[in-house]
C-alpha atoms as a PDB file:
ATOM      1  CA  UNK A   1      83.271  59.972  86.339  1.00  0.00           C
ATOM      2  CA  UNK A   2      80.737  57.143  85.713  1.00  0.00           C
ATOM      3  CA  UNK A   3      80.920  57.599  81.649  1.00  0.00           C
ATOM      4  CA  UNK A   4      85.160  57.300  82.199  1.00  0.00           C
ATOM      5  CA  UNK A   5      86.566  53.912  81.425  1.00  0.00           C
ATOM      6  CA  UNK A   6      89.922  52.479  81.954  1.00  0.00           C
ATOM      7  CA  UNK A   7      92.837  52.904  84.513  1.00  0.00           C
ATOM      8  CA  UNK A   8      92.752  54.752  87.601  1.00  0.00           C
ATOM      9  CA  UNK A   9      95.098  55.632  90.189  1.00  0.00           C
ATOM     10  CA  UNK A  10      95.132  57.412  93.477  1.00  0.00           C
ATOM     11  CA  UNK A  11      97.750  59.886  95.335  1.00  0.00           C
ATOM     12  CA  UNK A  12      97.385  61.896  98.699  1.00  0.00           C
ATOM     13  CA  UNK A  13      98.443  65.420  98.674  1.00  0.00           C
ATOM     14  CA  UNK A  14     100.716  66.635 101.218  1.00  0.00           C
ATOM     15  CA  UNK A  15      99.793  69.033 103.462  1.00  0.00           C
ATOM     16  CA  UNK A  16      99.378  72.365 101.625  1.00  0.00           C
ATOM     17  CA  UNK A  17     100.088  70.850  98.473  1.00  0.00           C
ATOM     18  CA  UNK A  18      97.440  70.805  94.989  1.00  0.00           C
ATOM     19  CA  UNK A  19      98.511  68.279  92.161  1.00  0.00           C
ATOM     20  CA  UNK A  20      97.134  68.329  88.947  1.00  0.00           C
ATOM     21  CA  UNK A  21      98.301  65.543  86.276  1.00  0.00           C
ATOM     22  CA  UNK A  22      98.575  65.692  82.842  1.00  0.00           C
ATOM     23  CA  UNK A  23      98.844  62.925  80.092  1.00  0.00           C
ATOM     24  CA  UNK A  24     101.494  64.250  77.543  1.00  0.00           C
ATOM     25  CA  UNK A  25     100.400  62.942  73.844  1.00  0.00           C
ATOM     26  CA  UNK A  26     102.376  62.965  71.010  1.00  0.00           C
ATOM     27  CA  UNK A  27     101.218  64.115  67.777  1.00  0.00           C
ATOM     28  CA  UNK A  28     100.625  62.532  64.556  1.00  0.00           C
ATOM     29  CA  UNK A  29     103.363  62.257  62.297  1.00  0.00           C
ATOM     30  CA  UNK A  30     100.874  63.709  59.450  1.00  0.00           C
ATOM     31  CA  UNK A  31      99.819  66.642  61.549  1.00  0.00           C
ATOM     32  CA  UNK A  32     103.534  67.891  63.037  1.00  0.00           C
ATOM     33  CA  UNK A  33     103.534  70.596  60.211  1.00  0.00           C
ATOM     34  CA  UNK A  34     100.370  72.320  61.902  1.00  0.00           C
ATOM     35  CA  UNK A  35     100.096  71.308  65.537  1.00  0.00           C
ATOM     36  CA  UNK A  36     103.168  70.855  68.383  1.00  0.00           C
ATOM     37  CA  UNK A  37     104.816  67.838  68.711  1.00  0.00           C
ATOM     38  CA  UNK A  38     103.248  67.096  72.056  1.00  0.00           C
ATOM     39  CA  UNK A  39     100.199  68.697  73.892  1.00  0.00           C
ATOM     40  CA  UNK A  40      98.925  68.225  77.062  1.00  0.00           C
ATOM     41  CA  UNK A  41      95.044  66.776  77.973  1.00  0.00           C
ATOM     42  CA  UNK A  42      94.431  67.255  81.864  1.00  0.00           C
ATOM     43  CA  UNK A  43      93.323  63.756  83.853  1.00  0.00           C
ATOM     44  CA  UNK A  44      89.552  64.136  85.353  1.00  0.00           C
ATOM     45  CA  UNK A  45      89.766  63.122  88.957  1.00  0.00           C
ATOM     46  CA  UNK A  46      87.799  63.101  92.068  1.00  0.00           C
ATOM     47  CA  UNK A  47      88.451  64.153  95.631  1.00  0.00           C
ATOM     48  CA  UNK A  48      88.096  62.476  99.206  1.00  0.00           C
ATOM     49  CA  UNK A  49      89.521  63.479 102.679  1.00  0.00           C
ATOM     50  CA  UNK A  50      91.380  61.128 104.477  1.00  0.00           C
ATOM     51  CA  UNK A  51      92.144  62.442 107.362  1.00  0.00           C
ATOM     52  CA  UNK A  52      93.605  65.992 106.899  1.00  0.00           C
ATOM     53  CA  UNK A  53      95.198  64.855 104.024  1.00  0.00           C
ATOM     54  CA  UNK A  54      93.253  65.378 100.554  1.00  0.00           C
ATOM     55  CA  UNK A  55      93.186  61.830  98.348  1.00  0.00           C
ATOM     56  CA  UNK A  56      92.577  62.246  94.773  1.00  0.00           C
ATOM     57  CA  UNK A  57      91.999  59.473  92.528  1.00  0.00           C
ATOM     58  CA  UNK A  58      92.886  60.341  88.581  1.00  0.00           C
ATOM     59  CA  UNK A  59      91.541  58.992  85.492  1.00  0.00           C
ATOM     60  CA  UNK A  60      92.943  57.668  82.405  1.00  0.00           C
ATOM     61  CA  UNK A  61      90.456  57.116  79.557  1.00  0.00           C
ATOM     62  CA  UNK A  62      92.303  55.431  77.389  1.00  0.00           C
ATOM     63  CA  UNK A  63      95.478  53.368  78.321  1.00  0.00           C
ATOM     64  CA  UNK A  64      98.137  52.729  75.858  1.00  0.00           C
ATOM     65  CA  UNK A  65      99.628  49.498  75.470  1.00  0.00           C
ATOM     66  CA  UNK A  66     102.999  50.812  76.052  1.00  0.00           C
ATOM     67  CA  UNK A  67     101.844  52.970  78.441  1.00  0.00           C
ATOM     68  CA  UNK A  68     100.842  56.589  79.050  1.00  0.00           C
ATOM     69  CA  UNK A  69     103.330  59.256  79.744  1.00  0.00           C
ATOM     70  CA  UNK A  70     102.217  61.940  83.022  1.00  0.00           C
ATOM     71  CA  UNK A  71     103.007  65.312  83.769  1.00  0.00           C
ATOM     72  CA  UNK A  72     102.548  65.633  87.435  1.00  0.00           C
ATOM     73  CA  UNK A  73     102.643  69.392  89.130  1.00  0.00           C
ATOM     74  CA  UNK A  74     102.373  69.801  92.827  1.00  0.00           C
ATOM     75  CA  UNK A  75     101.537  73.329  93.968  1.00  0.00           C
ATOM     76  CA  UNK A  76     102.520  74.832  97.363  1.00  0.00           C
ATOM     77  CA  UNK A  77     102.373  77.780  98.698  1.00  0.00           C
ATOM     78  CA  UNK A  78     105.643  79.297  97.052  1.00  0.00           C
ATOM     79  CA  UNK A  79     106.735  75.972  94.858  1.00  0.00           C
ATOM     80  CA  UNK A  80     105.855  73.514  92.164  1.00  0.00           C
ATOM     81  CA  UNK A  81     107.281  70.230  91.936  1.00  0.00           C
ATOM     82  CA  UNK A  82     107.249  68.810  88.753  1.00  0.00           C
ATOM     83  CA  UNK A  83     107.710  65.351  88.340  1.00  0.00           C
ATOM     84  CA  UNK A  84     106.906  62.348  85.283  1.00  0.00           C
ATOM     85  CA  UNK A  85     105.569  59.186  85.167  1.00  0.00           C
ATOM     86  CA  UNK A  86     104.003  56.666  83.198  1.00  0.00           C
ATOM     87  CA  UNK A  87     100.838  54.183  83.247  1.00  0.00           C
ATOM     88  CA  UNK A  88     101.892  51.153  82.498  1.00  0.00           C
ATOM     89  CA  UNK A  89      99.015  48.503  83.127  1.00  0.00           C
ATOM     90  CA  UNK A  90      97.979  48.796  87.020  1.00  0.00           C
ATOM     91  CA  UNK A  91     100.966  50.176  87.833  1.00  0.00           C
ATOM     92  CA  UNK A  92     102.054  53.997  88.107  1.00  0.00           C
ATOM     93  CA  UNK A  93     106.098  54.670  87.965  1.00  0.00           C
ATOM     94  CA  UNK A  94     106.936  58.250  89.087  1.00  0.00           C
ATOM     95  CA  UNK A  95     110.328  59.889  88.768  1.00  0.00           C
ATOM     96  CA  UNK A  96     112.648  59.381  91.471  1.00  0.00           C
ATOM     97  CA  UNK A  97     114.141  62.629  90.945  1.00  0.00           C
ATOM     98  CA  UNK A  98     111.560  65.784  90.948  1.00  0.00           C
ATOM     99  CA  UNK A  99     112.357  69.333  90.059  1.00  0.00           C
ATOM    100  CA  UNK A 100     111.256  72.317  92.737  1.00  0.00           C
ATOM    101  CA  UNK A 101     110.760  75.675  91.057  1.00  0.00           C
ATOM    102  CA  UNK A 102     110.120  78.220  93.355  1.00  0.00           C
ATOM    103  CA  UNK A 103     108.620  81.845  93.395  1.00  0.00           C
ATOM    104  CA  UNK A 104     107.592  85.228  94.760  1.00  0.00           C
ATOM    105  CA  UNK A 105     105.761  87.822  93.956  1.00  0.00           C
ATOM    106  CA  UNK A 106     106.799  90.713  92.900  1.00  0.00           C
ATOM    107  CA  UNK A 107     104.615  93.994  93.925  1.00  0.00           C
ATOM    108  CA  UNK A 108     105.607  96.946  91.575  1.00  0.00           C
ATOM    109  CA  UNK A 109     104.269 100.174  92.216  1.00  0.00           C
ATOM    110  CA  UNK A 110     102.598 102.306  89.766  1.00  0.00           C
ATOM    111  CA  UNK A 111     102.474  99.769  87.290  1.00  0.00           C
ATOM    112  CA  UNK A 112      99.129  99.877  84.698  1.00  0.00           C
ATOM    113  CA  UNK A 113      98.122  96.403  83.570  1.00  0.00           C
ATOM    114  CA  UNK A 114      96.510  95.671  80.581  1.00  0.00           C
ATOM    115  CA  UNK A 115      95.180  92.182  78.679  1.00  0.00           C
ATOM    116  CA  UNK A 116      98.086  90.065  77.849  1.00  0.00           C
ATOM    117  CA  UNK A 117      97.916  90.080  74.134  1.00  0.00           C
ATOM    118  CA  UNK A 118      99.758  87.719  71.941  1.00  0.00           C
ATOM    119  CA  UNK A 119      99.812  85.855  68.516  1.00  0.00           C
ATOM    120  CA  UNK A 120      99.565  82.087  69.488  1.00  0.00           C
ATOM    121  CA  UNK A 121     101.850  79.479  67.673  1.00  0.00           C
ATOM    122  CA  UNK A 122      99.908  76.515  67.182  1.00  0.00           C
ATOM    123  CA  UNK A 123     103.447  74.429  67.029  1.00  0.00           C
ATOM    124  CA  UNK A 124     104.320  75.933  70.414  1.00  0.00           C
ATOM    125  CA  UNK A 125     101.352  75.649  72.882  1.00  0.00           C
ATOM    126  CA  UNK A 126     102.008  77.321  76.347  1.00  0.00           C
ATOM    127  CA  UNK A 127      99.810  76.482  79.489  1.00  0.00           C
ATOM    128  CA  UNK A 128      99.568  79.069  82.170  1.00  0.00           C
ATOM    129  CA  UNK A 129      98.050  78.154  85.082  1.00  0.00           C
ATOM    130  CA  UNK A 130      96.655  80.460  88.028  1.00  0.00           C
ATOM    131  CA  UNK A 131      98.523  79.518  91.296  1.00  0.00           C
ATOM    132  CA  UNK A 132      95.107  80.142  93.898  1.00  0.00           C
ATOM    133  CA  UNK A 133      93.216  78.083  91.769  1.00  0.00           C
ATOM    134  CA  UNK A 134      95.448  75.593  90.599  1.00  0.00           C
ATOM    135  CA  UNK A 135      93.120  75.792  86.878  1.00  0.00           C
ATOM    136  CA  UNK A 136      94.580  76.472  83.326  1.00  0.00           C
ATOM    137  CA  UNK A 137      94.000  80.599  81.956  1.00  0.00           C
ATOM    138  CA  UNK A 138      92.039  79.695  78.803  1.00  0.00           C
ATOM    139  CA  UNK A 139      92.850  82.948  76.323  1.00  0.00           C
ATOM    140  CA  UNK A 140      90.397  83.944  73.818  1.00  0.00           C
ATOM    141  CA  UNK A 141      91.237  84.025  70.372  1.00  0.00           C
ATOM    142  CA  UNK A 142      90.050  86.120  67.931  1.00  0.00           C
ATOM    143  CA  UNK A 143      90.862  87.178  64.212  1.00  0.00           C
ATOM    144  CA  UNK A 144      92.693  90.466  63.896  1.00  0.00           C
ATOM    145  CA  UNK A 145      91.396  91.552  60.083  1.00  0.00           C
ATOM    146  CA  UNK A 146      94.016  94.216  60.085  1.00  0.00           C
ATOM    147  CA  UNK A 147      96.677  91.808  60.352  1.00  0.00           C
ATOM    148  CA  UNK A 148      95.136  88.973  58.790  1.00  0.00           C
ATOM    149  CA  UNK A 149      96.064  86.468  61.781  1.00  0.00           C
ATOM    150  CA  UNK A 150      94.696  84.815  64.915  1.00  0.00           C
ATOM    151  CA  UNK A 151      95.395  86.872  67.735  1.00  0.00           C
ATOM    152  CA  UNK A 152      94.755  85.987  71.618  1.00  0.00           C
ATOM    153  CA  UNK A 153      94.431  87.732  74.606  1.00  0.00           C
ATOM    154  CA  UNK A 154      94.636  86.364  77.949  1.00  0.00           C
ATOM    155  CA  UNK A 155      93.296  88.784  81.326  1.00  0.00           C
ATOM    156  CA  UNK A 156      96.050  88.261  84.212  1.00  0.00           C
ATOM    157  CA  UNK A 157      95.455  89.953  87.150  1.00  0.00           C
ATOM    158  CA  UNK A 158      98.226  91.955  88.910  1.00  0.00           C
ATOM    159  CA  UNK A 159     100.049  91.033  91.892  1.00  0.00           C
ATOM    160  CA  UNK A 160      99.151  87.675  91.346  1.00  0.00           C
ATOM    161  CA  UNK A 161     101.618  84.774  90.689  1.00  0.00           C
ATOM    162  CA  UNK A 162     100.992  82.273  87.556  1.00  0.00           C
ATOM    163  CA  UNK A 163     103.094  79.221  86.557  1.00  0.00           C
ATOM    164  CA  UNK A 164     103.467  79.465  82.378  1.00  0.00           C
ATOM    165  CA  UNK A 165     105.177  76.107  81.007  1.00  0.00           C
ATOM    166  CA  UNK A 166     105.559  74.135  77.438  1.00  0.00           C
ATOM    167  CA  UNK A 167     106.105  71.055  76.619  1.00  0.00           C
ATOM    168  CA  UNK A 168     109.119  69.925  73.910  1.00  0.00           C
END
């Protein structure tokens, strides 16, 4: 983290939770016809144990004068807590009413799983997160000569939960 300059802040995850934070970036007006209105940038972090709890320090490389908008996702065993915040100066202001999304895994029988194929839409960026590792599942893009367009493949494992979302 020595290469990062800017602001940082720390949070302590509750037991059984794992938090990731994204900075929400607004696309410049001249690029809106090709790209989504908002994009996400996952904040780098370091972690250390404080007793039995995990304390994470997140780094914002380029603090903005009017604040950096943040999306906070805290993953638990069967739920995701979704909250927003803003970094202004040396203060992080967090929303008072987080949303909770609960999920369960459906285990259908005799289903054949294949690669998840899609045609990416650069104006609608969808993020898929593996709930076991809390890492993004990155699609592999390729050019389909037959249909003359860019397509993508995303490998999702059966009997496993994923969290997908989009910022609008």
